[in-house]
PDB file of all heavy atoms in Angstrom:
ATOM      1  N   LYS A   1     -15.225 -20.985  26.562  1.00  0.00           N
ATOM      2  CA  LYS A   1     -16.076 -19.741  26.746  1.00  0.00           C
ATOM      3  C   LYS A   1     -15.291 -18.571  27.198  1.00  0.00           C
ATOM      4  O   LYS A   1     -15.469 -17.397  26.784  1.00  0.00           O
ATOM      5  CB  LYS A   1     -17.286 -20.005  27.590  1.00  0.00           C
ATOM      6  CG  LYS A   1     -18.341 -20.911  26.923  1.00  0.00           C
ATOM      7  CD  LYS A   1     -19.483 -21.247  27.879  1.00  0.00           C
ATOM      8  CE  LYS A   1     -20.443 -22.163  27.228  1.00  0.00           C
ATOM      9  NZ  LYS A   1     -21.560 -22.609  28.143  1.00  0.00           N
ATOM     10  N   ARG A   2     -14.378 -18.832  28.132  1.00  0.00           N
ATOM     11  CA  ARG A   2     -13.636 -17.770  28.813  1.00  0.00           C
ATOM     12  C   ARG A   2     -12.574 -17.182  27.937  1.00  0.00           C
ATOM     13  O   ARG A   2     -12.333 -15.951  27.915  1.00  0.00           O
ATOM     14  CB  ARG A   2     -12.985 -18.309  30.133  1.00  0.00           C
ATOM     15  CG  ARG A   2     -12.259 -17.287  30.973  1.00  0.00           C
ATOM     16  CD  ARG A   2     -11.550 -17.882  32.076  1.00  0.00           C
ATOM     17  NE  ARG A   2     -10.384 -18.712  31.514  1.00  0.00           N
ATOM     18  CZ  ARG A   2      -9.844 -19.761  32.170  1.00  0.00           C
ATOM     19  NH1 ARG A   2     -10.340 -20.155  33.375  1.00  0.00           N
ATOM     20  NH2 ARG A   2      -8.816 -20.470  31.640  1.00  0.00           N
ATOM     21  N   ASP A   3     -11.764 -18.065  27.296  1.00  0.00           N
ATOM     22  CA  ASP A   3     -10.603 -17.638  26.528  1.00  0.00           C
ATOM     23  C   ASP A   3     -10.722 -17.621  25.023  1.00  0.00           C
ATOM     24  O   ASP A   3      -9.870 -16.977  24.409  1.00  0.00           O
ATOM     25  CB  ASP A   3      -9.446 -18.594  26.823  1.00  0.00           C
ATOM     26  CG  ASP A   3      -9.197 -18.741  28.348  1.00  0.00           C
ATOM     27  OD1 ASP A   3      -9.334 -17.668  29.047  1.00  0.00           O
ATOM     28  OD2 ASP A   3      -8.728 -19.807  28.810  1.00  0.00           O
ATOM     29  N   HIS A   4     -11.852 -18.047  24.492  1.00  0.00           N
ATOM     30  CA  HIS A   4     -11.945 -18.166  23.010  1.00  0.00           C
ATOM     31  C   HIS A   4     -13.281 -17.767  22.467  1.00  0.00           C
ATOM     32  O   HIS A   4     -13.828 -18.425  21.540  1.00  0.00           O
ATOM     33  CB  HIS A   4     -11.555 -19.601  22.644  1.00  0.00           C
ATOM     34  CG  HIS A   4     -10.243 -20.048  23.116  1.00  0.00           C
ATOM     35  ND1 HIS A   4      -9.011 -19.662  22.520  1.00  0.00           N
ATOM     36  CD2 HIS A   4      -9.953 -20.812  24.123  1.00  0.00           C
ATOM     37  CE1 HIS A   4      -7.948 -20.202  23.160  1.00  0.00           C
ATOM     38  NE2 HIS A   4      -8.489 -20.954  24.181  1.00  0.00           N
ATOM     39  N   SER A   5     -13.963 -16.823  23.140  1.00  0.00           N
ATOM     40  CA  SER A   5     -15.323 -16.498  22.757  1.00  0.00           C
ATOM     41  C   SER A   5     -15.404 -15.474  21.580  1.00  0.00           C
ATOM     42  O   SER A   5     -16.402 -15.365  20.907  1.00  0.00           O
ATOM     43  CB  SER A   5     -16.067 -15.928  23.937  1.00  0.00           C
ATOM     44  OG  SER A   5     -15.499 -14.744  24.324  1.00  0.00           O
ATOM     45  N   GLY A   6     -14.245 -14.768  21.311  1.00  0.00           N
ATOM     46  CA  GLY A   6     -14.255 -13.738  20.322  1.00  0.00           C
ATOM     47  C   GLY A   6     -14.024 -14.282  18.891  1.00  0.00           C
ATOM     48  O   GLY A   6     -13.804 -15.583  18.717  1.00  0.00           O
ATOM     49  N   ILE A   7     -14.040 -13.426  17.883  1.00  0.00           N
ATOM     50  CA  ILE A   7     -13.834 -13.829  16.512  1.00  0.00           C
ATOM     51  C   ILE A   7     -12.863 -12.907  15.866  1.00  0.00           C
ATOM     52  O   ILE A   7     -13.099 -12.122  14.918  1.00  0.00           O
ATOM     53  CB  ILE A   7     -15.131 -13.834  15.622  1.00  0.00           C
ATOM     54  CG1 ILE A   7     -16.345 -14.430  16.365  1.00  0.00           C
ATOM     55  CG2 ILE A   7     -14.876 -14.632  14.311  1.00  0.00           C
ATOM     56  CD1 ILE A   7     -17.632 -14.440  15.628  1.00  0.00           C
ATOM     57  N   PRO A   8     -11.574 -12.880  16.468  1.00  0.00           N
ATOM     58  CA  PRO A   8     -10.578 -11.980  15.936  1.00  0.00           C
ATOM     59  C   PRO A   8     -10.000 -12.437  14.667  1.00  0.00           C
ATOM     60  O   PRO A   8     -10.060 -13.738  14.406  1.00  0.00           O
ATOM     61  CB  PRO A   8      -9.528 -11.883  17.075  1.00  0.00           C
ATOM     62  CG  PRO A   8      -9.604 -13.308  17.691  1.00  0.00           C
ATOM     63  CD  PRO A   8     -11.017 -13.626  17.592  1.00  0.00           C
ATOM     64  N   HIS A   9      -9.392 -11.686  13.827  1.00  0.00           N
ATOM     65  CA  HIS A   9      -8.631 -12.158  12.681  1.00  0.00           C
ATOM     66  C   HIS A   9      -7.744 -11.020  12.182  1.00  0.00           C
ATOM     67  O   HIS A   9      -7.644  -9.960  12.831  1.00  0.00           O
ATOM     68  CB  HIS A   9      -9.564 -12.672  11.566  1.00  0.00           C
ATOM     69  CG  HIS A   9      -8.998 -13.907  10.906  1.00  0.00           C
ATOM     70  ND1 HIS A   9      -7.649 -14.137  10.591  1.00  0.00           N
ATOM     71  CD2 HIS A   9      -9.663 -15.147  10.570  1.00  0.00           C
ATOM     72  CE1 HIS A   9      -7.550 -15.234  10.089  1.00  0.00           C
ATOM     73  NE2 HIS A   9      -8.618 -15.879  10.045  1.00  0.00           N
ATOM     74  N   GLY A  10      -7.149 -11.266  10.994  1.00  0.00           N
ATOM     75  CA  GLY A  10      -6.299 -10.223  10.437  1.00  0.00           C
ATOM     76  C   GLY A  10      -5.244 -10.926   9.463  1.00  0.00           C
ATOM     77  O   GLY A  10      -5.530 -12.045   9.065  1.00  0.00           O
ATOM     78  N   GLY A  11      -4.209 -10.256   9.150  1.00  0.00           N
ATOM     79  CA  GLY A  11      -3.209 -10.755   8.267  1.00  0.00           C
ATOM     80  C   GLY A  11      -2.389  -9.701   7.523  1.00  0.00           C
ATOM     81  O   GLY A  11      -2.554  -8.508   7.840  1.00  0.00           O
ATOM     82  N   PHE A  12      -1.719 -10.171   6.567  1.00  0.00           N
ATOM     83  CA  PHE A  12      -0.739  -9.375   5.882  1.00  0.00           C
ATOM     84  C   PHE A  12      -0.684  -9.691   4.358  1.00  0.00           C
ATOM     85  O   PHE A  12      -0.709 -10.853   3.988  1.00  0.00           O
ATOM     86  CB  PHE A  12       0.765  -9.654   6.410  1.00  0.00           C
ATOM     87  CG  PHE A  12       0.835  -9.625   7.922  1.00  0.00           C
ATOM     88  CD1 PHE A  12       0.547 -10.745   8.605  1.00  0.00           C
ATOM     89  CD2 PHE A  12       1.132  -8.402   8.609  1.00  0.00           C
ATOM     90  CE1 PHE A  12       0.698 -10.701  10.086  1.00  0.00           C
ATOM     91  CE2 PHE A  12       1.260  -8.342  10.004  1.00  0.00           C
ATOM     92  CZ  PHE A  12       0.929  -9.528  10.680  1.00  0.00           C
ATOM     93  N   VAL A  13      -0.732  -8.663   3.492  1.00  0.00           N
ATOM     94  CA  VAL A  13      -0.412  -8.761   2.165  1.00  0.00           C
ATOM     95  C   VAL A  13       0.877  -8.116   1.827  1.00  0.00           C
ATOM     96  O   VAL A  13       1.067  -6.991   2.167  1.00  0.00           O
ATOM     97  CB  VAL A  13      -1.542  -8.175   1.279  1.00  0.00           C
ATOM     98  CG1 VAL A  13      -1.113  -8.152  -0.242  1.00  0.00           C
ATOM     99  CG2 VAL A  13      -2.774  -8.971   1.327  1.00  0.00           C
ATOM    100  N   ILE A  14       1.876  -8.882   1.303  1.00  0.00           N
ATOM    101  CA  ILE A  14       3.169  -8.355   1.086  1.00  0.00           C
ATOM    102  C   ILE A  14       3.689  -8.622  -0.329  1.00  0.00           C
ATOM    103  O   ILE A  14       3.417  -9.725  -0.793  1.00  0.00           O
ATOM    104  CB  ILE A  14       4.118  -8.953   2.111  1.00  0.00           C
ATOM    105  CG1 ILE A  14       3.771  -8.765   3.516  1.00  0.00           C
ATOM    106  CG2 ILE A  14       5.611  -8.339   1.885  1.00  0.00           C
ATOM    107  CD1 ILE A  14       4.595  -9.476   4.615  1.00  0.00           C
ATOM    108  N   ARG A  15       4.182  -7.675  -0.994  1.00  0.00           N
ATOM    109  CA  ARG A  15       4.830  -7.906  -2.295  1.00  0.00           C
ATOM    110  C   ARG A  15       6.275  -7.378  -2.189  1.00  0.00           C
ATOM    111  O   ARG A  15       6.510  -6.188  -1.844  1.00  0.00           O
ATOM    112  CB  ARG A  15       4.021  -7.227  -3.453  1.00  0.00           C
ATOM    113  CG  ARG A  15       4.755  -7.531  -4.890  1.00  0.00           C
ATOM    114  CD  ARG A  15       3.848  -7.267  -6.009  1.00  0.00           C
ATOM    115  NE  ARG A  15       4.442  -7.537  -7.262  1.00  0.00           N
ATOM    116  CZ  ARG A  15       4.406  -8.722  -7.940  1.00  0.00           C
ATOM    117  NH1 ARG A  15       3.907  -9.789  -7.322  1.00  0.00           N
ATOM    118  NH2 ARG A  15       5.080  -8.835  -9.051  1.00  0.00           N
ATOM    119  N   SER A  16       7.166  -8.212  -2.618  1.00  0.00           N
ATOM    120  CA  SER A  16       8.558  -7.871  -2.580  1.00  0.00           C
ATOM    121  C   SER A  16       8.954  -7.824  -4.047  1.00  0.00           C
ATOM    122  O   SER A  16       8.656  -8.780  -4.780  1.00  0.00           O
ATOM    123  CB  SER A  16       9.323  -8.988  -1.870  1.00  0.00           C
ATOM    124  OG  SER A  16      10.775  -8.625  -1.771  1.00  0.00           O
ATOM    125  N   GLY A  17       9.717  -6.764  -4.449  1.00  0.00           N
ATOM    126  CA  GLY A  17      10.055  -6.613  -5.829  1.00  0.00           C
ATOM    127  C   GLY A  17      11.306  -5.816  -6.049  1.00  0.00           C
ATOM    128  O   GLY A  17      11.788  -5.124  -5.035  1.00  0.00           O
ATOM    129  N   LYS A  18      11.857  -5.855  -7.261  1.00  0.00           N
ATOM    130  CA  LYS A  18      13.101  -5.196  -7.608  1.00  0.00           C
ATOM    131  C   LYS A  18      12.849  -4.178  -8.729  1.00  0.00           C
ATOM    132  O   LYS A  18      12.030  -4.363  -9.626  1.00  0.00           O
ATOM    133  CB  LYS A  18      14.170  -6.181  -8.009  1.00  0.00           C
ATOM    134  CG  LYS A  18      14.528  -7.174  -6.921  1.00  0.00           C
ATOM    135  CD  LYS A  18      15.575  -8.129  -7.518  1.00  0.00           C
ATOM    136  CE  LYS A  18      15.899  -9.348  -6.449  1.00  0.00           C
ATOM    137  NZ  LYS A  18      16.663  -8.669  -5.311  1.00  0.00           N
ATOM    138  N   THR A  19      13.573  -3.071  -8.681  1.00  0.00           N
ATOM    139  CA  THR A  19      13.557  -2.102  -9.651  1.00  0.00           C
ATOM    140  C   THR A  19      14.984  -1.797 -10.094  1.00  0.00           C
ATOM    141  O   THR A  19      15.975  -2.170  -9.420  1.00  0.00           O
ATOM    142  CB  THR A  19      12.857  -0.773  -9.323  1.00  0.00           C
ATOM    143  OG1 THR A  19      13.558  -0.232  -8.232  1.00  0.00           O
ATOM    144  CG2 THR A  19      11.422  -1.019  -8.964  1.00  0.00           C
ATOM    145  N   GLY A  20      15.194  -1.004 -11.200  1.00  0.00           N
ATOM    146  CA  GLY A  20      16.504  -0.644 -11.712  1.00  0.00           C
ATOM    147  C   GLY A  20      16.880  -1.509 -12.924  1.00  0.00           C
ATOM    148  O   GLY A  20      16.289  -2.615 -13.117  1.00  0.00           O
ATOM    149  N   TRP A  21      17.787  -0.998 -13.750  1.00  0.00           N
ATOM    150  CA  TRP A  21      18.158  -1.651 -14.933  1.00  0.00           C
ATOM    151  C   TRP A  21      18.657  -3.144 -14.615  1.00  0.00           C
ATOM    152  O   TRP A  21      18.412  -4.037 -15.381  1.00  0.00           O
ATOM    153  CB  TRP A  21      19.231  -0.776 -15.751  1.00  0.00           C
ATOM    154  CG  TRP A  21      19.406  -1.357 -17.137  1.00  0.00           C
ATOM    155  CD1 TRP A  21      20.386  -2.069 -17.627  1.00  0.00           C
ATOM    156  CD2 TRP A  21      18.447  -1.139 -18.191  1.00  0.00           C
ATOM    157  NE1 TRP A  21      20.237  -2.253 -19.018  1.00  0.00           N
ATOM    158  CE2 TRP A  21      19.035  -1.743 -19.322  1.00  0.00           C
ATOM    159  CE3 TRP A  21      17.223  -0.487 -18.327  1.00  0.00           C
ATOM    160  CZ2 TRP A  21      18.330  -1.685 -20.523  1.00  0.00           C
ATOM    161  CZ3 TRP A  21      16.643  -0.412 -19.541  1.00  0.00           C
ATOM    162  CH2 TRP A  21      17.194  -1.044 -20.656  1.00  0.00           C
ATOM    163  N   ASN A  22      19.362  -3.226 -13.622  1.00  0.00           N
ATOM    164  CA  ASN A  22      19.951  -4.542 -13.299  1.00  0.00           C
ATOM    165  C   ASN A  22      19.411  -5.119 -11.952  1.00  0.00           C
ATOM    166  O   ASN A  22      19.990  -5.727 -11.193  1.00  0.00           O
ATOM    167  CB  ASN A  22      21.548  -4.383 -13.111  1.00  0.00           C
ATOM    168  CG  ASN A  22      22.168  -3.997 -14.411  1.00  0.00           C
ATOM    169  OD1 ASN A  22      21.922  -4.738 -15.419  1.00  0.00           O
ATOM    170  ND2 ASN A  22      22.965  -2.977 -14.404  1.00  0.00           N
ATOM    171  N   ASP A  23      18.113  -4.680 -11.600  1.00  0.00           N
ATOM    172  CA  ASP A  23      17.459  -5.109 -10.437  1.00  0.00           C
ATOM    173  C   ASP A  23      18.235  -4.829  -9.136  1.00  0.00           C
ATOM    174  O   ASP A  23      18.281  -5.600  -8.190  1.00  0.00           O
ATOM    175  CB  ASP A  23      17.136  -6.606 -10.448  1.00  0.00           C
ATOM    176  CG  ASP A  23      16.242  -7.043 -11.613  1.00  0.00           C
ATOM    177  OD1 ASP A  23      15.505  -6.220 -12.132  1.00  0.00           O
ATOM    178  OD2 ASP A  23      16.311  -8.234 -12.066  1.00  0.00           O
ATOM    179  N   GLU A  24      18.823  -3.637  -9.092  1.00  0.00           N
ATOM    180  CA  GLU A  24      19.745  -3.249  -8.086  1.00  0.00           C
ATOM    181  C   GLU A  24      18.936  -2.772  -6.868  1.00  0.00           C
ATOM    182  O   GLU A  24      19.615  -2.756  -5.747  1.00  0.00           O
ATOM    183  CB  GLU A  24      20.748  -2.297  -8.497  1.00  0.00           C
ATOM    184  CG  GLU A  24      20.196  -0.954  -8.941  1.00  0.00           C
ATOM    185  CD  GLU A  24      20.019  -0.930 -10.486  1.00  0.00           C
ATOM    186  OE1 GLU A  24      19.720  -1.890 -11.155  1.00  0.00           O
ATOM    187  OE2 GLU A  24      20.200   0.185 -11.119  1.00  0.00           O
ATOM    188  N   ASN A  25      17.705  -2.371  -6.831  1.00  0.00           N
ATOM    189  CA  ASN A  25      17.002  -1.879  -5.733  1.00  0.00           C
ATOM    190  C   ASN A  25      15.857  -2.770  -5.417  1.00  0.00           C
ATOM    191  O   ASN A  25      15.037  -3.185  -6.185  1.00  0.00           O
ATOM    192  CB  ASN A  25      16.586  -0.494  -5.950  1.00  0.00           C
ATOM    193  CG  ASN A  25      17.714   0.538  -6.172  1.00  0.00           C
ATOM    194  OD1 ASN A  25      18.600   0.581  -5.297  1.00  0.00           O
ATOM    195  ND2 ASN A  25      17.833   1.281  -7.215  1.00  0.00           N
ATOM    196  N   GLN A  26      15.739  -2.977  -4.002  1.00  0.00           N
ATOM    197  CA  GLN A  26      14.695  -3.875  -3.508  1.00  0.00           C
ATOM    198  C   GLN A  26      13.630  -3.064  -2.819  1.00  0.00           C
ATOM    199  O   GLN A  26      13.994  -2.095  -2.117  1.00  0.00           O
ATOM    200  CB  GLN A  26      15.309  -4.856  -2.410  1.00  0.00           C
ATOM    201  CG  GLN A  26      14.336  -5.886  -1.833  1.00  0.00           C
ATOM    202  CD  GLN A  26      14.105  -6.960  -2.703  1.00  0.00           C
ATOM    203  OE1 GLN A  26      14.936  -7.495  -3.486  1.00  0.00           O
ATOM    204  NE2 GLN A  26      12.782  -7.438  -2.715  1.00  0.00           N
ATOM    205  N   HIS A  27      12.399  -3.511  -2.934  1.00  0.00           N
ATOM    206  CA  HIS A  27      11.256  -2.715  -2.355  1.00  0.00           C
ATOM    207  C   HIS A  27      10.274  -3.733  -1.710  1.00  0.00           C
ATOM    208  O   HIS A  27      10.137  -4.886  -2.269  1.00  0.00           O
ATOM    209  CB  HIS A  27      10.422  -1.888  -3.301  1.00  0.00           C
ATOM    210  CG  HIS A  27      11.354  -1.050  -4.230  1.00  0.00           C
ATOM    211  ND1 HIS A  27      11.806   0.215  -3.825  1.00  0.00           N
ATOM    212  CD2 HIS A  27      11.920  -1.233  -5.370  1.00  0.00           C
ATOM    213  CE1 HIS A  27      12.607   0.707  -4.704  1.00  0.00           C
ATOM    214  NE2 HIS A  27      12.634  -0.194  -5.736  1.00  0.00           N
ATOM    215  N   VAL A  28       9.702  -3.319  -0.669  1.00  0.00           N
ATOM    216  CA  VAL A  28       8.674  -4.193  -0.009  1.00  0.00           C
ATOM    217  C   VAL A  28       7.380  -3.359   0.365  1.00  0.00           C
ATOM    218  O   VAL A  28       7.505  -2.338   0.933  1.00  0.00           O
ATOM    219  CB  VAL A  28       9.186  -4.866   1.319  1.00  0.00           C
ATOM    220  CG1 VAL A  28       8.063  -5.650   1.964  1.00  0.00           C
ATOM    221  CG2 VAL A  28      10.434  -5.760   1.052  1.00  0.00           C
ATOM    222  N   ILE A  29       6.230  -3.843  -0.190  1.00  0.00           N
ATOM    223  CA  ILE A  29       4.956  -3.199   0.179  1.00  0.00           C
ATOM    224  C   ILE A  29       4.230  -4.173   0.995  1.00  0.00           C
ATOM    225  O   ILE A  29       4.160  -5.324   0.765  1.00  0.00           O
ATOM    226  CB  ILE A  29       4.159  -3.058  -1.189  1.00  0.00           C
ATOM    227  CG1 ILE A  29       4.952  -2.126  -2.201  1.00  0.00           C
ATOM    228  CG2 ILE A  29       2.801  -2.396  -0.862  1.00  0.00           C
ATOM    229  CD1 ILE A  29       4.186  -2.071  -3.583  1.00  0.00           C
ATOM    230  N   GLU A  30       3.678  -3.527   2.150  1.00  0.00           N
ATOM    231  CA  GLU A  30       2.942  -4.393   3.153  1.00  0.00           C
ATOM    232  C   GLU A  30       1.736  -3.651   3.505  1.00  0.00           C
ATOM    233  O   GLU A  30       1.683  -2.483   3.831  1.00  0.00           O
ATOM    234  CB  GLU A  30       3.857  -4.673   4.347  1.00  0.00           C
ATOM    235  CG  GLU A  30       3.138  -5.464   5.381  1.00  0.00           C
ATOM    236  CD  GLU A  30       3.939  -5.864   6.526  1.00  0.00           C
ATOM    237  OE1 GLU A  30       5.212  -5.815   6.396  1.00  0.00           O
ATOM    238  OE2 GLU A  30       3.387  -6.275   7.633  1.00  0.00           O
ATOM    239  N   TYR A  31       0.623  -4.428   3.559  1.00  0.00           N
ATOM    240  CA  TYR A  31      -0.675  -3.968   3.999  1.00  0.00           C
ATOM    241  C   TYR A  31      -1.061  -5.015   5.122  1.00  0.00           C
ATOM    242  O   TYR A  31      -1.044  -6.230   4.850  1.00  0.00           O
ATOM    243  CB  TYR A  31      -1.797  -4.009   2.941  1.00  0.00           C
ATOM    244  CG  TYR A  31      -3.073  -3.634   3.314  1.00  0.00           C
ATOM    245  CD1 TYR A  31      -3.472  -2.391   3.618  1.00  0.00           C
ATOM    246  CD2 TYR A  31      -4.098  -4.669   3.451  1.00  0.00           C
ATOM    247  CE1 TYR A  31      -4.796  -2.025   3.952  1.00  0.00           C
ATOM    248  CE2 TYR A  31      -5.414  -4.297   3.812  1.00  0.00           C
ATOM    249  CZ  TYR A  31      -5.754  -3.051   3.945  1.00  0.00           C
ATOM    250  OH  TYR A  31      -7.037  -2.767   4.468  1.00  0.00           O
ATOM    251  N   SER A  32      -1.438  -4.557   6.249  1.00  0.00           N
ATOM    252  CA  SER A  32      -1.898  -5.402   7.344  1.00  0.00           C
ATOM    253  C   SER A  32      -3.134  -5.093   8.052  1.00  0.00           C
ATOM    254  O   SER A  32      -3.528  -3.839   8.097  1.00  0.00           O
ATOM    255  CB  SER A  32      -0.646  -5.499   8.361  1.00  0.00           C
ATOM    256  OG  SER A  32      -0.551  -4.310   9.065  1.00  0.00           O
ATOM    257  N   LEU A  33      -3.770  -5.984   8.587  1.00  0.00           N
ATOM    258  CA  LEU A  33      -4.993  -5.872   9.420  1.00  0.00           C
ATOM    259  C   LEU A  33      -4.891  -6.578  10.737  1.00  0.00           C
ATOM    260  O   LEU A  33      -4.348  -7.735  10.722  1.00  0.00           O
ATOM    261  CB  LEU A  33      -6.242  -6.392   8.624  1.00  0.00           C
ATOM    262  CG  LEU A  33      -6.630  -5.645   7.281  1.00  0.00           C
ATOM    263  CD1 LEU A  33      -7.650  -6.475   6.591  1.00  0.00           C
ATOM    264  CD2 LEU A  33      -7.092  -4.280   7.644  1.00  0.00           C
ATOM    265  N   LYS A  34      -5.386  -6.033  11.775  1.00  0.00           N
ATOM    266  CA  LYS A  34      -5.509  -6.627  13.016  1.00  0.00           C
ATOM    267  C   LYS A  34      -6.907  -6.402  13.519  1.00  0.00           C
ATOM    268  O   LYS A  34      -7.241  -5.231  13.923  1.00  0.00           O
ATOM    269  CB  LYS A  34      -4.443  -6.142  13.979  1.00  0.00           C
ATOM    270  CG  LYS A  34      -4.478  -6.887  15.368  1.00  0.00           C
ATOM    271  CD  LYS A  34      -3.360  -6.404  16.341  1.00  0.00           C
ATOM    272  CE  LYS A  34      -3.460  -7.154  17.678  1.00  0.00           C
ATOM    273  NZ  LYS A  34      -2.416  -6.679  18.604  1.00  0.00           N
ATOM    274  N   LEU A  35      -7.741  -7.433  13.644  1.00  0.00           N
ATOM    275  CA  LEU A  35      -9.247  -7.219  13.738  1.00  0.00           C
ATOM    276  C   LEU A  35      -9.692  -7.872  15.072  1.00  0.00           C
ATOM    277  O   LEU A  35      -9.518  -9.075  15.221  1.00  0.00           O
ATOM    278  CB  LEU A  35      -9.950  -7.829  12.523  1.00  0.00           C
ATOM    279  CG  LEU A  35      -9.455  -7.452  11.138  1.00  0.00           C
ATOM    280  CD1 LEU A  35     -10.212  -8.166  10.045  1.00  0.00           C
ATOM    281  CD2 LEU A  35      -9.482  -5.922  10.930  1.00  0.00           C
ATOM    282  N   ASP A  36     -10.331  -7.139  15.823  1.00  0.00           N
ATOM    283  CA  ASP A  36     -11.043  -7.629  17.066  1.00  0.00           C
ATOM    284  C   ASP A  36     -12.297  -8.510  16.683  1.00  0.00           C
ATOM    285  O   ASP A  36     -12.566  -9.472  17.342  1.00  0.00           O
ATOM    286  CB  ASP A  36     -11.558  -6.561  17.946  1.00  0.00           C
ATOM    287  CG  ASP A  36     -10.510  -6.150  19.024  1.00  0.00           C
ATOM    288  OD1 ASP A  36      -9.409  -6.797  19.038  1.00  0.00           O
ATOM    289  OD2 ASP A  36     -10.754  -5.216  19.798  1.00  0.00           O
ATOM    290  N   SER A  37     -12.917  -8.087  15.550  1.00  0.00           N
ATOM    291  CA  SER A  37     -14.126  -8.758  15.103  1.00  0.00           C
ATOM    292  C   SER A  37     -14.071  -8.918  13.620  1.00  0.00           C
ATOM    293  O   SER A  37     -14.308  -7.951  12.878  1.00  0.00           O
ATOM    294  CB  SER A  37     -15.463  -8.086  15.525  1.00  0.00           C
ATOM    295  OG  SER A  37     -16.566  -8.623  14.898  1.00  0.00           O
ATOM    296  N   ASN A  38     -13.855 -10.131  13.136  1.00  0.00           N
ATOM    297  CA  ASN A  38     -13.807 -10.391  11.720  1.00  0.00           C
ATOM    298  C   ASN A  38     -15.209  -9.981  11.063  1.00  0.00           C
ATOM    299  O   ASN A  38     -15.135  -9.182  10.081  1.00  0.00           O
ATOM    300  CB  ASN A  38     -13.519 -11.862  11.554  1.00  0.00           C
ATOM    301  CG  ASN A  38     -13.593 -12.382  10.057  1.00  0.00           C
ATOM    302  OD1 ASN A  38     -13.762 -11.692   9.099  1.00  0.00           O
ATOM    303  ND2 ASN A  38     -13.164 -13.628   9.873  1.00  0.00           N
ATOM    304  N   PRO A  39     -16.360 -10.489  11.567  1.00  0.00           N
ATOM    305  CA  PRO A  39     -17.574 -10.015  10.868  1.00  0.00           C
ATOM    306  C   PRO A  39     -17.875  -8.574  10.885  1.00  0.00           C
ATOM    307  O   PRO A  39     -18.392  -8.033   9.935  1.00  0.00           O
ATOM    308  CB  PRO A  39     -18.666 -10.879  11.606  1.00  0.00           C
ATOM    309  CG  PRO A  39     -18.011 -11.317  12.815  1.00  0.00           C
ATOM    310  CD  PRO A  39     -16.613 -11.445  12.616  1.00  0.00           C
ATOM    311  N   GLU A  40     -17.532  -7.831  11.975  1.00  0.00           N
ATOM    312  CA  GLU A  40     -17.846  -6.459  12.046  1.00  0.00           C
ATOM    313  C   GLU A  40     -16.968  -5.600  11.171  1.00  0.00           C
ATOM    314  O   GLU A  40     -17.365  -4.736  10.505  1.00  0.00           O
ATOM    315  CB  GLU A  40     -17.658  -5.990  13.441  1.00  0.00           C
ATOM    316  CG  GLU A  40     -18.862  -6.450  14.384  1.00  0.00           C
ATOM    317  CD  GLU A  40     -18.819  -5.776  15.759  1.00  0.00           C
ATOM    318  OE1 GLU A  40     -18.083  -4.863  16.003  1.00  0.00           O
ATOM    319  OE2 GLU A  40     -19.620  -6.196  16.602  1.00  0.00           O
ATOM    320  N   PHE A  41     -15.669  -6.029  10.899  1.00  0.00           N
ATOM    321  CA  PHE A  41     -14.810  -5.352  10.013  1.00  0.00           C
ATOM    322  C   PHE A  41     -15.313  -5.619   8.549  1.00  0.00           C
ATOM    323  O   PHE A  41     -15.423  -4.743   7.612  1.00  0.00           O
ATOM    324  CB  PHE A  41     -13.369  -5.775  10.156  1.00  0.00           C
ATOM    325  CG  PHE A  41     -12.472  -5.032   9.176  1.00  0.00           C
ATOM    326  CD1 PHE A  41     -12.008  -3.819   9.535  1.00  0.00           C
ATOM    327  CD2 PHE A  41     -12.108  -5.563   7.996  1.00  0.00           C
ATOM    328  CE1 PHE A  41     -11.136  -3.052   8.617  1.00  0.00           C
ATOM    329  CE2 PHE A  41     -11.285  -4.849   7.124  1.00  0.00           C
ATOM    330  CZ  PHE A  41     -10.875  -3.656   7.417  1.00  0.00           C
ATOM    331  N   THR A  42     -15.618  -6.907   8.318  1.00  0.00           N
ATOM    332  CA  THR A  42     -16.215  -7.361   6.978  1.00  0.00           C
ATOM    333  C   THR A  42     -17.431  -6.448   6.597  1.00  0.00           C
ATOM    334  O   THR A  42     -17.636  -5.914   5.494  1.00  0.00           O
ATOM    335  CB  THR A  42     -16.469  -8.782   6.879  1.00  0.00           C
ATOM    336  OG1 THR A  42     -15.252  -9.552   7.133  1.00  0.00           O
ATOM    337  CG2 THR A  42     -17.151  -9.127   5.569  1.00  0.00           C
ATOM    338  N   SER A  43     -18.286  -6.334   7.640  1.00  0.00           N
ATOM    339  CA  SER A  43     -19.551  -5.583   7.404  1.00  0.00           C
ATOM    340  C   SER A  43     -19.253  -4.197   7.165  1.00  0.00           C
ATOM    341  O   SER A  43     -20.001  -3.579   6.296  1.00  0.00           O
ATOM    342  CB  SER A  43     -20.404  -5.633   8.799  1.00  0.00           C
ATOM    343  OG  SER A  43     -20.716  -6.943   9.099  1.00  0.00           O
ATOM    344  N   SER A  44     -18.230  -3.534   7.797  1.00  0.00           N
ATOM    345  CA  SER A  44     -17.903  -2.127   7.509  1.00  0.00           C
ATOM    346  C   SER A  44     -17.430  -1.917   6.104  1.00  0.00           C
ATOM    347  O   SER A  44     -17.697  -0.861   5.437  1.00  0.00           O
ATOM    348  CB  SER A  44     -16.835  -1.645   8.451  1.00  0.00           C
ATOM    349  OG  SER A  44     -17.348  -1.667   9.773  1.00  0.00           O
ATOM    350  N   VAL A  45     -16.675  -2.935   5.505  1.00  0.00           N
ATOM    351  CA  VAL A  45     -16.203  -2.879   4.120  1.00  0.00           C
ATOM    352  C   VAL A  45     -17.413  -2.919   3.162  1.00  0.00           C
ATOM    353  O   VAL A  45     -17.615  -2.163   2.272  1.00  0.00           O
ATOM    354  CB  VAL A  45     -15.207  -4.016   3.848  1.00  0.00           C
ATOM    355  CG1 VAL A  45     -14.770  -3.893   2.372  1.00  0.00           C
ATOM    356  CG2 VAL A  45     -14.046  -3.867   4.801  1.00  0.00           C
TER     357      VAL A  45
END
């Protein structure tokens, strides 16, 4: 009850990819969430 009463969550969506004729350039797209309350954030969406 003292240490684990909340419902936090979150995570990361990452895509790593290459562009250029010979795949010479690397790119990383990242979206992240850090949520104090999983249900309240879900509700807002």
